[in-house]
Protein backbone atom coordinates (compact mmCIF):
# COMPACT_ATOMS: atom_id res chain seq x y z
CA UNK A 1 31.36 -54.56 -50.55
CA UNK A 2 28.65 -55.89 -48.24
CA UNK A 3 28.28 -53.89 -45.05
CA UNK A 4 28.99 -55.87 -41.88
CA UNK A 5 26.39 -56.29 -39.17
CA UNK A 6 26.26 -53.60 -36.49
CA UNK A 7 27.61 -54.53 -33.05
CA UNK A 8 25.17 -56.32 -30.79
CA UNK A 9 26.17 -54.76 -27.47
CA UNK A 10 25.90 -51.00 -27.98
CA UNK A 11 25.86 -50.31 -24.23
CA UNK A 12 29.29 -51.80 -23.63
CA UNK A 13 31.06 -50.08 -26.50
CA UNK A 14 29.90 -48.37 -29.64
CA UNK A 15 32.72 -48.86 -32.14
CA UNK A 16 31.99 -47.14 -35.42
CA UNK A 17 35.12 -48.12 -37.27
CA UNK A 18 38.76 -49.06 -37.27
CA UNK A 19 40.84 -47.95 -40.22
CA UNK A 20 44.45 -48.79 -40.96
CA UNK A 21 46.51 -46.41 -43.07
CA UNK A 22 48.16 -47.51 -46.33
CA UNK A 23 46.27 -50.76 -46.40
CA UNK A 24 43.84 -52.01 -49.07
CA UNK A 25 41.92 -53.69 -46.28
CA UNK A 26 39.66 -51.48 -44.20
CA UNK A 27 37.93 -53.20 -41.31
CA UNK A 28 34.64 -51.53 -40.44
CA UNK A 29 32.08 -52.12 -37.75
CA UNK A 30 29.33 -49.72 -38.68
CA UNK A 31 26.27 -48.62 -36.77
CA UNK A 32 23.74 -48.38 -39.60
CA UNK A 33 21.71 -45.71 -37.79
CA UNK A 34 24.45 -43.27 -38.77
CA UNK A 35 24.06 -43.71 -42.53
CA UNK A 36 21.57 -40.82 -43.00
CA UNK A 37 24.12 -38.52 -41.39
CA UNK A 38 26.96 -39.45 -43.75
CA UNK A 39 25.54 -37.97 -46.98
CA UNK A 40 28.57 -35.72 -47.26
CA UNK A 41 30.65 -38.74 -48.31
CA UNK A 42 29.01 -38.97 -51.75
CA UNK A 43 30.38 -38.30 -54.62
CA UNK A 44 50.29 -15.79 -56.02
CA UNK A 45 52.84 -15.70 -53.36
CA UNK A 46 56.29 -17.09 -54.20
CA UNK A 47 57.62 -19.30 -51.40
CA UNK A 48 61.22 -20.25 -50.66
CA UNK A 49 60.02 -23.84 -50.25
CA UNK A 50 60.94 -26.16 -53.14
CA UNK A 51 57.48 -27.73 -52.84
CA UNK A 52 55.65 -24.44 -53.54
CA UNK A 53 55.92 -22.69 -56.89
CA UNK A 54 54.21 -19.41 -57.80
CA UNK A 55 51.59 -19.74 -55.09
CA UNK A 56 50.73 -23.36 -55.89
CA UNK A 57 51.77 -26.62 -54.31
CA UNK A 58 53.37 -29.50 -56.19
CA UNK A 59 51.17 -32.47 -56.98
CA UNK A 60 53.10 -34.97 -54.87
CA UNK A 61 53.27 -32.51 -51.96
CA UNK A 62 49.51 -32.08 -51.96
CA UNK A 63 48.89 -35.82 -52.03
CA UNK A 64 51.42 -36.38 -49.26
CA UNK A 65 50.58 -33.38 -47.09
CA UNK A 66 46.78 -33.53 -47.14
CA UNK A 67 46.25 -37.27 -46.73
CA UNK A 68 44.15 -37.54 -43.52
CA UNK A 69 45.13 -41.17 -42.97
CA UNK A 70 48.70 -40.22 -42.03
CA UNK A 71 50.18 -37.73 -39.57
CA UNK A 72 52.60 -35.13 -40.90
CA UNK A 73 54.92 -32.65 -39.23
CA UNK A 74 54.56 -29.85 -41.81
CA UNK A 75 51.37 -27.83 -41.87
CA UNK A 76 50.13 -26.51 -45.23
CA UNK A 77 47.55 -23.83 -45.83
CA UNK A 78 45.75 -22.84 -49.02
CA UNK A 79 44.03 -19.48 -48.66
CA UNK A 80 41.57 -17.31 -50.54
CA UNK A 81 40.97 -13.64 -49.81
CA UNK A 82 37.91 -11.97 -51.36
CA UNK A 83 37.28 -8.24 -50.92
CA UNK A 84 33.71 -6.98 -51.25
CA UNK A 85 34.86 -4.21 -53.60
CA UNK A 86 36.57 -6.61 -56.00
CA UNK A 87 35.29 -9.33 -58.34
CA UNK A 88 38.50 -11.34 -58.06
CA UNK A 89 39.92 -13.25 -55.11
CA UNK A 90 43.54 -13.64 -54.07
CA UNK A 91 44.58 -17.29 -53.91
CA UNK A 92 47.89 -18.73 -52.74
CA UNK A 93 49.45 -21.05 -50.16
CA UNK A 94 52.00 -21.21 -47.37
CA UNK A 95 53.28 -23.70 -44.82
CA UNK A 96 54.56 -23.85 -41.27
CA UNK A 97 58.22 -23.41 -40.39
CA UNK A 98 60.30 -24.40 -37.37
CA UNK A 99 59.35 -21.15 -35.64
CA UNK A 100 55.95 -20.19 -37.05
CA UNK A 101 52.65 -21.88 -37.83
CA UNK A 102 50.95 -21.07 -41.11
CA UNK A 103 48.12 -19.15 -39.40
CA UNK A 104 50.57 -16.70 -37.83
CA UNK A 105 52.37 -16.19 -41.13
CA UNK A 106 49.04 -15.38 -42.78
CA UNK A 107 47.95 -12.95 -40.06
CA UNK A 108 51.24 -11.13 -39.63
CA UNK A 109 52.54 -11.17 -43.19
CA UNK A 110 50.07 -12.13 -45.92
CA UNK A 111 47.03 -10.23 -44.69
CA UNK A 112 48.94 -7.12 -43.70
CA UNK A 113 50.37 -6.86 -47.21
CA UNK A 114 46.96 -7.34 -48.82
CA UNK A 115 44.89 -5.12 -46.53
CA UNK A 116 44.24 -1.62 -47.86
CA UNK A 117 40.92 -0.25 -46.57
CA UNK A 118 39.85 -1.58 -43.13
CA UNK A 119 36.24 -0.57 -43.82
CA UNK A 120 35.92 -2.98 -46.77
CA UNK A 121 34.42 -6.37 -45.92
CA UNK A 122 36.73 -9.33 -46.49
CA UNK A 123 35.95 -13.06 -46.74
CA UNK A 124 38.83 -15.46 -46.01
CA UNK A 125 38.87 -19.22 -46.54
CA UNK A 126 41.65 -21.49 -45.30
CA UNK A 127 42.15 -25.09 -46.44
CA UNK A 128 44.57 -26.48 -43.86
CA UNK A 129 46.31 -29.81 -43.47
CA UNK A 130 45.85 -29.60 -39.68
CA UNK A 131 43.59 -27.53 -37.47
CA UNK A 132 44.79 -24.53 -35.45
CA UNK A 133 46.45 -25.22 -32.10
CA UNK A 134 45.38 -23.44 -28.91
CA UNK A 135 47.98 -20.66 -29.30
CA UNK A 136 47.00 -20.04 -32.91
CA UNK A 137 43.33 -19.96 -31.94
CA UNK A 138 44.11 -17.11 -29.55
CA UNK A 139 46.01 -15.24 -32.26
CA UNK A 140 43.10 -15.75 -34.66
CA UNK A 141 40.63 -14.40 -32.08
CA UNK A 142 42.79 -11.31 -31.50
CA UNK A 143 43.12 -10.84 -35.26
CA UNK A 144 39.36 -11.01 -35.85
CA UNK A 145 38.73 -8.65 -32.94
CA UNK A 146 40.98 -6.09 -34.63
CA UNK A 147 39.38 -6.78 -38.03
CA UNK A 148 35.60 -6.79 -37.46
CA UNK A 149 34.89 -6.72 -41.21
CA UNK A 150 36.66 -10.05 -41.79
CA UNK A 151 34.76 -13.34 -42.13
CA UNK A 152 36.77 -16.56 -41.74
CA UNK A 153 35.97 -20.13 -42.87
CA UNK A 154 38.42 -22.93 -42.01
CA UNK A 155 38.60 -26.37 -43.64
CA UNK A 156 40.95 -28.94 -42.10
CA UNK A 157 42.22 -32.33 -43.27
CA UNK A 158 42.90 -33.55 -39.73
CA UNK A 159 42.70 -32.33 -36.16
CA UNK A 160 45.87 -31.22 -34.37
CA UNK A 161 46.39 -33.07 -31.03
CA UNK A 162 42.64 -33.40 -30.78
CA UNK A 163 42.64 -34.82 -27.23
CA UNK A 164 44.44 -31.82 -25.73
CA UNK A 165 41.75 -29.86 -23.90
CA UNK A 166 43.39 -26.51 -24.67
CA UNK A 167 43.19 -27.25 -28.40
CA UNK A 168 39.57 -28.35 -28.07
CA UNK A 169 38.70 -25.20 -26.15
CA UNK A 170 40.51 -23.11 -28.76
CA UNK A 171 38.40 -24.51 -31.61
CA UNK A 172 35.19 -23.96 -29.65
CA UNK A 173 36.22 -20.38 -28.91
CA UNK A 174 36.61 -19.70 -32.63
CA UNK A 175 33.19 -21.10 -33.45
CA UNK A 176 31.70 -19.03 -30.62
CA UNK A 177 32.85 -15.81 -32.32
CA UNK A 178 31.49 -16.82 -35.72
CA UNK A 179 34.34 -18.74 -37.37
CA UNK A 180 33.14 -21.72 -39.43
CA UNK A 181 35.31 -24.84 -38.98
CA UNK A 182 34.74 -27.90 -41.16
CA UNK A 183 36.56 -31.10 -42.02
CA UNK A 184 37.52 -31.22 -45.69
CA UNK A 185 35.15 -33.44 -47.69
CA UNK A 186 35.71 -34.87 -51.16
CA UNK A 187 34.42 -31.77 -53.00
CA UNK A 188 36.84 -29.64 -50.95
CA UNK A 189 39.76 -31.90 -51.88
CA UNK A 190 38.73 -31.73 -55.53
CA UNK A 191 38.49 -27.92 -55.39
CA UNK A 192 41.95 -27.63 -53.84
CA UNK A 193 43.36 -29.99 -56.46
CA UNK A 194 41.96 -27.86 -59.28
CA UNK A 195 42.80 -24.52 -57.70
CA UNK A 196 46.04 -24.84 -55.73
CA UNK A 197 48.00 -27.73 -57.24
CA UNK A 198 50.69 -26.96 -59.81
CA UNK A 199 51.05 -29.41 -62.69
CA UNK A 200 50.85 -28.20 -66.27
CA UNK A 201 49.64 -31.63 -67.40
CA UNK A 202 47.22 -32.03 -64.50
CA UNK A 203 43.70 -33.12 -65.33
CA UNK A 204 40.77 -32.48 -63.01
CA UNK A 205 40.08 -36.21 -62.68
CA UNK A 206 43.71 -37.23 -62.15
CA UNK A 207 43.31 -37.25 -58.40
CA UNK A 208 40.19 -38.50 -56.71
CA UNK A 209 40.96 -39.36 -53.07
CA UNK A 210 37.96 -41.63 -52.56
CA UNK A 211 39.84 -43.68 -49.99
CA UNK A 212 39.77 -40.57 -47.78
CA UNK A 213 36.08 -41.12 -46.99
CA UNK A 214 36.57 -43.15 -43.75
CA UNK A 215 38.93 -40.56 -42.29
CA UNK A 216 36.62 -37.71 -43.33
CA UNK A 217 33.90 -39.46 -41.35
CA UNK A 218 36.15 -40.04 -38.32
CA UNK A 219 37.42 -36.48 -38.10
CA UNK A 220 33.97 -35.01 -38.80
CA UNK A 221 32.44 -36.87 -35.88
CA UNK A 222 35.38 -36.00 -33.63
CA UNK A 223 35.00 -32.34 -34.59
CA UNK A 224 31.36 -32.56 -33.54
CA UNK A 225 32.42 -33.96 -30.17
CA UNK A 226 34.80 -31.02 -29.75
CA UNK A 227 32.25 -28.37 -30.71
CA UNK A 228 29.54 -29.95 -28.54
CA UNK A 229 31.99 -30.22 -25.63
CA UNK A 230 31.61 -33.95 -25.09
CA UNK A 231 34.48 -36.43 -24.52
CA UNK A 232 36.73 -37.36 -27.42
CA UNK A 233 35.60 -40.34 -29.48
CA UNK A 234 38.59 -40.68 -31.82
CA UNK A 235 41.55 -42.87 -30.87
CA UNK A 236 44.80 -42.79 -32.86
CA UNK A 237 47.42 -45.42 -32.10
CA UNK A 238 50.22 -47.13 -34.00
CA UNK A 239 50.82 -50.75 -34.89
CA UNK A 240 54.10 -52.68 -34.80
CA UNK A 241 55.18 -50.91 -38.02
CA UNK A 242 54.40 -47.46 -36.58
CA UNK A 243 51.46 -47.14 -38.97
CA UNK A 244 48.63 -44.97 -37.58
CA UNK A 245 45.47 -46.87 -36.70
CA UNK A 246 42.28 -44.84 -36.23
CA UNK A 247 39.33 -46.02 -34.12
CA UNK A 248 36.09 -44.22 -33.30
CA UNK A 249 34.60 -45.41 -30.00
CA UNK A 250 31.59 -44.04 -28.15
CA UNK A 251 31.07 -45.52 -24.72
CA UNK A 252 27.93 -43.83 -23.42
CA UNK A 253 24.46 -42.90 -24.67
CA UNK A 254 25.08 -39.16 -24.32
CA UNK A 255 27.90 -39.25 -26.84
CA UNK A 256 25.91 -41.44 -29.20
CA UNK A 257 22.88 -39.13 -29.12
CA UNK A 258 25.04 -36.03 -29.61
CA UNK A 259 26.90 -37.46 -32.61
CA UNK A 260 23.92 -39.03 -34.36
CA UNK A 261 21.76 -35.91 -33.93
CA UNK A 262 24.11 -33.73 -35.94
CA UNK A 263 25.01 -34.03 -39.59
CA UNK A 264 28.84 -33.83 -39.55
CA UNK A 265 29.08 -31.75 -42.71
C-alpha cells in the first residue's frame, strides 16, 4: 500500500494517524520523519473464571481481551516470576474482578504464596491488557519498597484512562523508582500466545496480530508523552456505531521534538 503524503501544514496540526477499529480500511496521514523511530513494528494457578484453565487463558479470550483496537472492561494479566536461586520461572495468569484489579491480586495473593526467602532476588514480568491505574501504581510502589530485591517489568496492550493526570503521574512514579513500562509489540504478543494461551491444537503461527501495528504505534507514542510529562497526544472517540476511533495529534513543536527524539520501543 503506497504511503500517503505527509501533511503540508505541520504548524497548525500534526496528525500522525487516524485508525478505526474493526475496519479493513485504515486511514493514515503519516509524517515520514517518524519512520526511523518505528523499527519496533517489524516483523499454574487455577482460576474460577471459565476463560482461564490451569494457569492459561483460552484462545478466544486472549484475542478478545488483548486487542488494543478495542476497549474492554476486564483486565487480564499474564505474569512470570523468576527467582535467582532457581532455573525455572513460575508462569500463570489472573484477571480483575468487580472489587480488585489484577495488580492487587498479584501483590496480596500470588506473590505472598510464592515468596519464601526475602533475601533472594526476584524478577517479575507482567503482560497486562491495560496499564495500572493511579491507585494500583501506589500499591505497586509500596510493594516494591517492602521488597527491595524485586525487579518489575510491565508490558501493556493499552493505557488505562490515559488522559487522567493521576494515572499519568502514577506511571511516571513507577518509572522513577526503576520499573520498566512498555507497550506490547508484536514479539510480545507472539510470546504471550505461545506461553499463556491454552489450546491443545494451537500452532505458533495460528495467531499473528499484524493489524495491531497502528495501535502499538499510537500507544507507544502516548506512553512517551506520559513519561516525558508533555501533554497527551492520543485522542479516543467513538463514531455513530460506538466504535472506538483513535487519533494521534501533536499541536506544538515541543511535543513533536519530544516524540520524534525517542524510539518508542
